[in-house]
Amino acid sequence: MRIAINGTGRIGRLCIRRLLDLADGSELELVAVNTTCAPDMLVHLLEYDTVHGRWPGRVRTDGGALVRLEADERLDRTGIPPGRSSSPQPSSRIDSAPERNPSTQNRIEPASDRNSSPQNRLEPASEQSSSPQNWIEPAPERNSSPQNRIELVSERDPSRLPWRRLGIDLVIDATGAFTDRAGMEKHLEAGAGRVLLTSPGEADLTAVMGVNDERFDPSVHRFVSAASCTTNCLAPVLKAMHEAFGVRGGWATSIHAFTSDQNHLDNPHRDWRRARSCGASIVPAATGVSKALREVLPELAPVIRGSAVRVPVADVSLLQLQLELGAPAAADEVREALREAAAGPLAPYVGYADLPLVSADYIGCDKSAVVDGPSVLARGSSVQLSAWYDNEWGYACRVVDLAARIAERASAAGRLGGAQAVRV
């Protein structure tokens, strides 16, 4: 499936990273990016990210295109060019509940027991500057194959985008500006086959992976929404609890990292609370999770209400759920049910952790939700639980997963592209 991304804000750029990190042979091919960002700046922001670190799958500009670098030109996850260090490097990503086995690999030795091997010794700054571990090798110029070229476009009117010429099957619209049907129709006018929103919108289907993504029908659904990051956390956890105990009602509170639609310093904003400095206050905010549940979990939508606050962290949010169950349940029963859910069909999307972790530990986690085991409380049929989610990377991973689901279903039905899509 030929993919275009419209918009290169936080989620748009992370979707680019995720798509280009996919293994060779993936059904998803990133063909074009529409952005108002200057090409050199886009390359810089793709490679360097304050929250998510340096991206090893680098790209460079070549005329009016991004060029994906070959494997031997990329960096490993530490930012060191391949071949510069033979020591294995740990991954910072948390994909599932950490193991509690006190093996030698996990044991932290006392400072007095540590040796002064080259791997552990800190060299003086004057020596570090010339050491191979800190040397960043410039990417050599190479001729790029068509498969590695991603066309860059800068057009604010979606109806004028070159989707027909490029044979675009699916546009991932990450602008947040074209969420109504009239806006999405413009992509179809330009020749795209379908539109996938990275936000709630007036879609034919709002889909959450692991919950209702199987409902996608290529003969009916041209406009699909991936819902919100919070709904992607809430829905699979609610599903697991409803299947295990029956949910009669409850409240969902999102304790959410600040986002780019808030002001960093006090300045005018259409929302008076978001006008205030996001780094200096806890800011009550609106949430659309109750509305999104109407399509995702319609049987629970009438009995679940939501609220949100924005807090002064750049990434990773915490969902708190207070639920009334169909019957009394002990805290240990709830924990066991959620462990089983995280090991079952929801495993790609839901994790479970018994360790006493904090939000920073989940930066880069690709799960939709990681249940915080120590926070589970129960009294009679009332339960409170919490789940962590990386509202940026985790959500971008779900958007790409949903694009893969669309590609799989559309390909099987022989309805991959739009009626006007043309291959060149």
Protein backbone atom coordinates (compact mmCIF):
# COMPACT_ATOMS: atom_id res chain seq x y z
CA MET A 1 0.00 0.00 0.00
CA ARG A 2 1.38 3.39 -1.07
CA ILE A 3 1.25 5.84 1.87
CA ALA A 4 1.43 9.62 2.07
CA ILE A 5 1.67 11.60 5.30
CA ASN A 6 0.03 15.02 5.51
CA GLY A 7 1.54 17.09 8.31
CA THR A 8 4.84 16.76 10.17
CA GLY A 9 4.09 17.77 13.73
CA ARG A 10 4.87 15.47 16.64
CA ILE A 11 2.72 12.54 15.50
CA GLY A 12 3.44 13.00 11.79
CA ARG A 13 7.20 12.81 12.32
CA LEU A 14 6.93 9.79 14.62
CA CYS A 15 4.79 8.03 12.01
CA ILE A 16 7.57 8.67 9.49
CA ARG A 17 10.07 7.14 11.89
CA ARG A 18 7.85 4.12 12.49
CA LEU A 19 7.11 3.53 8.80
CA LEU A 20 10.77 3.72 7.84
CA ASP A 21 11.72 1.40 10.72
CA LEU A 22 9.41 -1.34 9.41
CA ALA A 23 11.12 -4.47 8.16
CA ASP A 24 11.73 -4.89 4.45
CA GLY A 25 8.75 -6.57 2.83
CA SER A 26 6.16 -4.59 4.77
CA GLU A 27 2.93 -3.89 2.90
CA LEU A 28 3.31 -0.20 3.73
CA GLU A 29 5.46 1.99 1.49
CA LEU A 30 5.94 5.65 2.43
CA VAL A 31 5.86 7.49 -0.90
CA ALA A 32 5.30 11.17 -0.06
CA VAL A 33 5.16 13.69 2.77
CA ASN A 34 3.29 16.99 2.61
CA THR A 35 4.85 19.52 4.97
CA THR A 36 5.26 23.25 5.45
CA CYS A 37 8.61 22.53 7.15
CA ALA A 38 11.82 23.29 5.24
CA PRO A 39 13.44 20.02 4.05
CA ASP A 40 16.68 20.46 6.00
CA MET A 41 14.75 21.31 9.15
CA LEU A 42 12.50 18.27 8.68
CA VAL A 43 15.53 15.98 8.37
CA HIS A 44 17.02 17.53 11.51
CA LEU A 45 13.81 17.12 13.53
CA LEU A 46 13.41 13.54 12.35
CA GLU A 47 16.91 12.60 13.45
CA TYR A 48 17.05 14.54 16.73
CA ASP A 49 14.22 14.54 19.27
CA THR A 50 14.44 15.87 22.81
CA VAL A 51 11.97 13.29 24.13
CA HIS A 52 12.61 10.21 21.99
CA GLY A 53 16.31 10.59 21.35
CA ARG A 54 18.35 10.25 18.20
CA TRP A 55 16.78 8.17 15.44
CA PRO A 56 19.09 5.52 13.96
CA GLY A 57 17.19 5.23 10.66
CA ARG A 58 18.37 8.53 9.24
CA VAL A 59 17.31 10.25 6.02
CA ARG A 60 18.81 13.07 3.98
CA THR A 61 17.48 15.50 1.40
CA ASP A 62 18.03 15.11 -2.31
CA GLY A 63 16.38 17.79 -4.38
CA GLY A 64 12.67 17.65 -3.65
CA ALA A 65 12.80 14.35 -1.80
CA LEU A 66 13.83 12.61 1.38
CA VAL A 67 16.22 9.72 0.81
CA ARG A 68 16.27 6.81 3.20
CA LEU A 69 19.85 5.87 4.02
CA GLU A 70 21.21 2.38 3.55
CA ALA A 71 21.67 0.16 6.59
CA ASP A 72 25.42 0.76 6.82
CA GLU A 73 24.88 4.53 6.84
CA ARG A 74 22.51 4.56 9.83
CA LEU A 75 23.22 4.89 13.52
CA ASP A 76 22.48 2.34 16.18
CA ARG A 77 20.15 3.32 19.04
CA THR A 78 23.03 5.00 20.94
CA GLY A 79 23.88 7.38 18.10
CA ILE A 80 27.14 5.56 17.30
CA PRO A 81 27.80 4.68 13.64
CA PRO A 82 27.84 0.92 12.95
CA GLY A 83 31.24 -0.66 13.48
CA ARG A 84 32.46 1.97 15.92
CA SER A 85 31.71 -0.05 19.05
CA SER A 86 31.61 -3.81 19.51
CA SER A 87 29.85 -3.74 22.91
CA PRO A 88 26.14 -4.57 22.92
CA GLN A 89 23.97 -1.59 23.79
CA PRO A 90 20.82 -1.84 25.89
CA SER A 91 17.49 -0.80 24.42
CA SER A 92 15.64 1.97 26.23
CA ARG A 93 12.22 0.83 25.03
CA ILE A 94 9.81 -0.81 27.44
CA ASP A 95 7.70 -3.22 25.41
CA SER A 96 6.28 -5.25 28.26
CA ALA A 97 6.43 -5.73 31.99
CA PRO A 98 10.07 -5.87 33.11
CA GLU A 99 11.38 -9.18 34.44
CA ARG A 100 11.98 -9.29 38.19
CA ASN A 101 14.52 -12.11 38.03
CA PRO A 102 17.63 -10.88 39.86
CA SER A 103 20.05 -12.19 37.25
CA THR A 104 23.56 -10.89 36.89
CA GLN A 105 22.46 -8.91 33.86
CA ASN A 106 19.93 -6.99 35.98
CA ARG A 107 21.89 -6.70 39.25
CA ILE A 108 23.38 -3.31 40.07
CA GLU A 109 26.71 -3.84 41.78
CA PRO A 110 27.84 -1.55 44.64
CA ALA A 111 30.18 1.19 43.55
CA SER A 112 33.08 -0.35 45.47
CA ASP A 113 32.70 -3.62 43.55
CA ARG A 114 32.82 -2.10 40.12
CA ASN A 115 35.94 -2.51 38.08
CA SER A 116 37.50 0.24 36.06
CA SER A 117 37.17 -1.42 32.68
CA PRO A 118 37.22 0.78 29.60
CA GLN A 119 33.48 0.21 29.21
CA ASN A 120 32.78 1.81 32.61
CA ARG A 121 35.60 4.37 32.88
CA LEU A 122 34.76 8.01 32.12
CA GLU A 123 37.53 9.59 30.08
CA PRO A 124 38.45 13.28 30.46
CA ALA A 125 36.57 15.61 28.15
CA SER A 126 39.65 16.26 26.04
CA GLU A 127 39.98 12.54 25.31
CA GLN A 128 36.26 11.96 24.81
CA SER A 129 36.02 14.45 22.02
CA SER A 130 38.28 12.32 19.82
CA SER A 131 37.11 8.87 20.91
CA PRO A 132 35.36 6.67 18.32
CA GLN A 133 32.32 6.33 20.59
CA ASN A 134 31.56 10.05 20.31
CA TRP A 135 32.48 10.62 16.70
CA ILE A 136 29.44 11.11 14.46
CA GLU A 137 30.28 10.16 10.90
CA PRO A 138 28.64 12.26 8.17
CA ALA A 139 26.43 10.30 5.83
CA PRO A 140 28.18 9.73 2.50
CA GLU A 141 26.44 10.87 -0.63
CA ARG A 142 25.02 7.96 -2.59
CA ASN A 143 22.76 7.51 -5.53
CA SER A 144 19.29 6.63 -4.23
CA SER A 145 16.97 4.05 -5.69
CA PRO A 146 13.32 4.99 -6.33
CA GLN A 147 12.25 2.72 -3.44
CA ASN A 148 14.27 4.86 -1.00
CA ARG A 149 13.01 8.23 -2.25
CA ILE A 150 10.12 9.96 -0.50
CA GLU A 151 8.71 12.92 -2.39
CA LEU A 152 8.36 16.14 -0.40
CA VAL A 153 5.41 18.39 -1.13
CA SER A 154 4.47 21.75 0.38
CA GLU A 155 0.81 22.47 -0.33
CA ARG A 156 -1.77 23.77 2.15
CA ASP A 157 -4.80 22.82 0.04
CA PRO A 158 -5.25 19.01 0.12
CA SER A 159 -7.27 19.04 -3.12
CA ARG A 160 -4.14 20.20 -4.98
CA LEU A 161 -1.82 17.49 -3.68
CA PRO A 162 -0.25 15.09 -6.25
CA TRP A 163 -1.87 11.95 -4.84
CA ARG A 164 -3.24 10.82 -8.23
CA ARG A 165 0.15 11.11 -9.93
CA LEU A 166 1.84 9.24 -7.07
CA GLY A 167 -0.84 6.54 -6.86
CA ILE A 168 -1.50 7.09 -3.16
CA ASP A 169 -3.68 4.42 -1.59
CA LEU A 170 -3.85 5.92 1.91
CA VAL A 171 -3.18 9.37 3.33
CA ILE A 172 -2.31 9.55 7.01
CA ASP A 173 -3.55 13.03 7.87
CA ALA A 174 -1.65 14.22 10.94
CA THR A 175 -2.48 17.92 10.65
CA GLY A 176 -5.55 17.93 12.89
CA ALA A 177 -6.97 20.49 10.45
CA PHE A 178 -9.01 18.27 8.11
CA THR A 179 -11.05 16.15 10.50
CA ASP A 180 -14.49 16.89 8.98
CA ARG A 181 -15.76 15.08 5.91
CA ALA A 182 -15.30 18.11 3.66
CA GLY A 183 -11.62 18.26 4.61
CA MET A 184 -11.05 14.54 4.09
CA GLU A 185 -12.90 14.61 0.76
CA LYS A 186 -10.20 16.94 -0.55
CA HIS A 187 -7.66 14.11 -0.34
CA LEU A 188 -9.97 11.93 -2.42
CA GLU A 189 -10.42 14.76 -4.94
CA ALA A 190 -6.64 14.79 -5.27
CA GLY A 191 -6.68 11.07 -6.10
CA ALA A 192 -6.06 9.28 -2.79
CA GLY A 193 -7.87 6.05 -2.03
CA ARG A 194 -8.53 6.52 1.69
CA VAL A 195 -7.78 8.82 4.62
CA LEU A 196 -6.60 7.80 8.09
CA LEU A 197 -6.89 10.52 10.75
CA THR A 198 -4.48 10.70 13.67
CA SER A 199 -7.25 12.23 15.78
CA PRO A 200 -10.98 11.90 16.31
CA GLY A 201 -13.06 13.15 13.38
CA GLU A 202 -16.09 12.63 11.15
CA ALA A 203 -14.89 9.24 9.95
CA ASP A 204 -16.78 6.25 8.59
CA LEU A 205 -15.07 4.18 11.28
CA THR A 206 -13.21 5.00 14.48
CA ALA A 207 -10.95 2.02 15.17
CA VAL A 208 -8.79 1.03 18.12
CA MET A 209 -6.35 -1.82 17.59
CA GLY A 210 -7.24 -4.90 19.60
CA VAL A 211 -10.77 -3.69 20.23
CA ASN A 212 -12.72 -3.06 17.02
CA ASP A 213 -10.17 -2.88 14.18
CA GLU A 214 -11.69 -6.07 12.74
CA ARG A 215 -14.74 -4.00 11.78
CA PHE A 216 -12.85 -2.27 8.96
CA ASP A 217 -14.62 -2.98 5.67
CA PRO A 218 -12.79 -1.71 2.55
CA SER A 219 -16.04 -1.56 0.59
CA VAL A 220 -17.59 0.87 3.10
CA HIS A 221 -14.91 2.72 5.06
CA ARG A 222 -13.01 5.39 3.11
CA PHE A 223 -12.44 7.68 6.09
CA VAL A 224 -10.97 6.03 9.20
CA SER A 225 -9.98 7.60 12.50
CA ALA A 226 -7.39 6.11 14.86
CA ALA A 227 -9.22 7.84 17.73
CA SER A 228 -7.01 9.55 20.31
CA CYS A 229 -4.02 8.38 22.33
CA THR A 230 -6.20 8.33 25.45
CA THR A 231 -8.95 6.26 23.80
CA ASN A 232 -6.30 3.80 22.59
CA CYS A 233 -5.22 3.37 26.22
CA LEU A 234 -8.71 3.27 27.70
CA ALA A 235 -10.55 0.97 25.27
CA PRO A 236 -8.42 -2.22 25.52
CA VAL A 237 -8.22 -1.95 29.32
CA LEU A 238 -11.98 -1.45 29.54
CA LYS A 239 -12.52 -4.39 27.20
CA ALA A 240 -10.37 -6.65 29.38
CA MET A 241 -12.18 -5.57 32.55
CA HIS A 242 -15.62 -5.94 30.97
CA GLU A 243 -14.86 -9.45 29.71
CA ALA A 244 -13.46 -10.51 33.08
CA PHE A 245 -15.94 -8.93 35.50
CA GLY A 246 -18.62 -6.95 33.66
CA VAL A 247 -18.43 -3.16 33.93
CA ARG A 248 -21.54 -1.34 35.13
CA GLY A 249 -20.10 2.18 34.96
CA GLY A 250 -17.17 4.37 35.82
CA TRP A 251 -14.96 7.42 35.40
CA ALA A 252 -11.80 7.77 33.31
CA THR A 253 -9.34 10.54 34.14
CA SER A 254 -6.42 11.24 31.81
CA ILE A 255 -3.40 12.78 33.54
CA HIS A 256 -1.88 13.91 30.28
CA ALA A 257 1.48 15.35 29.25
CA PHE A 258 1.30 18.86 27.86
CA THR A 259 0.96 19.20 24.08
CA SER A 260 1.82 21.73 21.42
CA ASP A 261 -1.67 23.29 21.49
CA GLN A 262 -0.87 24.76 24.92
CA ASN A 263 1.14 27.91 25.56
CA HIS A 264 4.59 27.57 27.08
CA LEU A 265 4.29 31.10 28.50
CA ASP A 266 1.09 32.93 29.41
CA ASN A 267 -0.34 34.29 26.17
CA PRO A 268 -3.76 34.60 24.51
CA HIS A 269 -5.46 31.31 23.54
CA ARG A 270 -9.04 30.40 22.64
CA ASP A 271 -9.07 28.17 25.74
CA TRP A 272 -8.36 30.39 28.74
CA ARG A 273 -6.77 27.55 30.69
CA ARG A 274 -4.51 26.55 27.82
CA ALA A 275 -3.49 30.20 27.63
CA ARG A 276 -1.48 29.61 30.80
CA SER A 277 2.07 28.27 30.94
CA CYS A 278 1.94 24.50 30.44
CA GLY A 279 5.25 24.00 32.24
CA ALA A 280 4.16 25.78 35.40
CA SER A 281 0.64 24.52 36.14
CA ILE A 282 -1.67 21.54 36.23
CA VAL A 283 -4.28 22.49 33.63
CA PRO A 284 -7.80 21.00 33.57
CA ALA A 285 -8.76 20.09 29.99
CA ALA A 286 -11.58 18.59 27.97
CA THR A 287 -11.48 15.02 26.69
CA GLY A 288 -13.50 13.29 23.99
CA VAL A 289 -13.15 9.72 25.24
CA SER A 290 -16.86 9.33 26.05
CA LYS A 291 -17.81 10.26 22.50
CA ALA A 292 -15.13 8.03 20.97
CA LEU A 293 -16.36 5.02 22.94
CA ARG A 294 -19.71 5.17 21.12
CA GLU A 295 -18.07 3.56 18.09
CA VAL A 296 -15.32 1.60 19.79
CA LEU A 297 -17.18 0.07 22.76
CA PRO A 298 -20.81 1.10 22.25
CA GLU A 299 -22.09 -1.10 25.07
CA LEU A 300 -19.98 0.85 27.60
CA ALA A 301 -20.14 4.35 26.13
CA PRO A 302 -23.32 5.37 28.04
CA VAL A 303 -21.86 4.45 31.43
CA ILE A 304 -18.28 5.77 31.17
CA ARG A 305 -17.52 9.46 31.65
CA GLY A 306 -14.17 11.15 31.21
CA SER A 307 -12.12 14.11 32.39
CA ALA A 308 -8.53 15.24 31.86
CA VAL A 309 -5.77 17.37 33.26
CA ARG A 310 -2.54 18.41 31.55
CA VAL A 311 0.60 18.19 33.68
CA PRO A 312 4.13 19.63 33.24
CA VAL A 313 5.83 16.67 31.55
CA ALA A 314 6.72 16.51 27.85
CA ASP A 315 5.59 12.93 27.22
CA VAL A 316 3.88 9.88 28.77
CA SER A 317 0.47 10.10 30.35
CA LEU A 318 -1.42 8.15 33.01
CA LEU A 319 -5.03 6.97 32.76
CA GLN A 320 -6.90 6.45 36.02
CA LEU A 321 -10.04 4.34 35.94
CA GLN A 322 -12.64 4.10 38.69
CA LEU A 323 -15.03 1.27 37.79
CA GLU A 324 -18.14 -0.27 39.28
CA LEU A 325 -18.10 -3.98 38.46
CA GLY A 326 -20.93 -6.44 38.10
CA ALA A 327 -19.79 -8.31 41.22
CA PRO A 328 -17.30 -7.83 44.06
CA ALA A 329 -13.67 -8.49 43.14
CA ALA A 330 -10.45 -8.48 45.18
CA ALA A 331 -7.46 -6.45 44.04
CA ASP A 332 -5.46 -9.63 43.40
CA GLU A 333 -8.26 -10.95 41.17
CA VAL A 334 -8.17 -7.74 39.14
CA ARG A 335 -4.39 -7.91 38.82
CA GLU A 336 -4.53 -11.52 37.65
CA ALA A 337 -7.21 -10.74 35.06
CA LEU A 338 -5.13 -7.89 33.68
CA ARG A 339 -1.98 -10.02 33.61
CA GLU A 340 -3.88 -12.62 31.59
CA ALA A 341 -5.17 -9.94 29.20
CA ALA A 342 -1.61 -8.66 28.69
CA ALA A 343 -0.48 -12.20 27.83
CA GLY A 344 -3.43 -13.01 25.55
CA PRO A 345 -4.82 -11.55 22.31
CA LEU A 346 -4.32 -7.99 23.65
CA ALA A 347 -0.59 -8.62 24.19
CA PRO A 348 0.56 -6.43 21.25
CA TYR A 349 -1.28 -3.47 22.77
CA VAL A 350 -1.53 -3.97 26.54
CA GLY A 351 1.27 -4.56 29.02
CA TYR A 352 1.39 -5.14 32.75
CA ALA A 353 4.09 -4.05 35.23
CA ASP A 354 4.48 -4.84 38.92
CA LEU A 355 7.56 -2.66 39.30
CA PRO A 356 7.21 0.79 40.96
CA LEU A 357 7.94 2.77 37.77
CA VAL A 358 7.32 6.41 36.87
CA SER A 359 6.34 8.19 33.67
CA ALA A 360 9.90 8.67 32.38
CA ASP A 361 10.35 4.88 32.36
CA TYR A 362 7.69 4.56 29.66
CA ILE A 363 9.12 7.02 27.13
CA GLY A 364 9.44 4.99 23.94
CA CYS A 365 7.03 2.26 25.05
CA ASP A 366 5.05 1.04 22.04
CA LYS A 367 2.11 -0.35 24.03
CA SER A 368 -1.28 1.36 24.00
CA ALA A 369 -1.49 0.83 27.77
CA VAL A 370 0.69 -0.64 30.51
CA VAL A 371 -1.31 -1.43 33.64
CA ASP A 372 0.41 -0.28 36.83
CA GLY A 373 0.00 -3.31 39.11
CA PRO A 374 0.86 -1.64 42.44
CA SER A 375 -1.86 0.99 41.88
CA VAL A 376 -4.78 -1.46 41.69
CA LEU A 377 -7.26 -0.90 44.53
CA ALA A 378 -10.55 -2.66 45.23
CA ARG A 379 -13.40 -2.35 47.72
CA GLY A 380 -16.41 -4.53 47.14
CA SER A 381 -17.41 -4.07 43.51
CA SER A 382 -15.55 -0.74 43.17
CA VAL A 383 -12.11 -0.81 41.56
CA GLN A 384 -9.48 1.80 40.80
CA LEU A 385 -6.61 1.11 38.42
CA SER A 386 -4.04 3.06 36.44
CA ALA A 387 -2.39 2.52 33.05
CA TRP A 388 0.61 4.29 31.52
CA TYR A 389 0.82 5.27 27.86
CA ASP A 390 3.36 7.07 25.72
CA ASN A 391 0.90 9.46 24.13
CA GLU A 392 3.33 10.16 21.27
CA TRP A 393 5.29 7.04 20.30
CA GLY A 394 2.72 4.52 21.48
CA TYR A 395 -0.01 6.31 19.56
CA ALA A 396 2.11 6.66 16.39
CA CYS A 397 2.71 2.90 16.53
CA ARG A 398 -1.06 2.27 16.67
CA VAL A 399 -1.65 4.59 13.70
CA VAL A 400 0.84 2.59 11.63
CA ASP A 401 -0.65 -0.70 12.89
CA LEU A 402 -4.09 0.50 11.78
CA ALA A 403 -2.68 1.46 8.37
CA ALA A 404 -1.33 -2.10 8.10
CA ARG A 405 -4.77 -3.48 9.00
CA ILE A 406 -6.34 -1.32 6.28
CA ALA A 407 -3.73 -2.52 3.77
CA GLU A 408 -4.30 -6.16 4.69
CA ARG A 409 -8.08 -5.98 4.38
CA ALA A 410 -8.10 -3.79 1.27
CA SER A 411 -5.56 -5.98 -0.50
CA ALA A 412 -7.50 -9.15 0.30
CA ALA A 413 -10.67 -7.55 -1.07
CA GLY A 414 -8.93 -6.19 -4.18
CA ARG A 415 -9.78 -2.62 -3.15
CA LEU A 416 -6.33 -1.26 -2.38
CA GLY A 417 -6.52 2.11 -4.10
CA GLY A 418 -9.11 4.72 -4.90
CA ALA A 419 -11.18 4.70 -8.05
CA GLN A 420 -9.00 7.46 -9.50
CA ALA A 421 -5.62 6.19 -8.30
CA VAL A 422 -3.13 5.74 -11.12
CA ARG A 423 0.24 4.00 -10.90
CA VAL A 424 3.17 5.74 -12.57
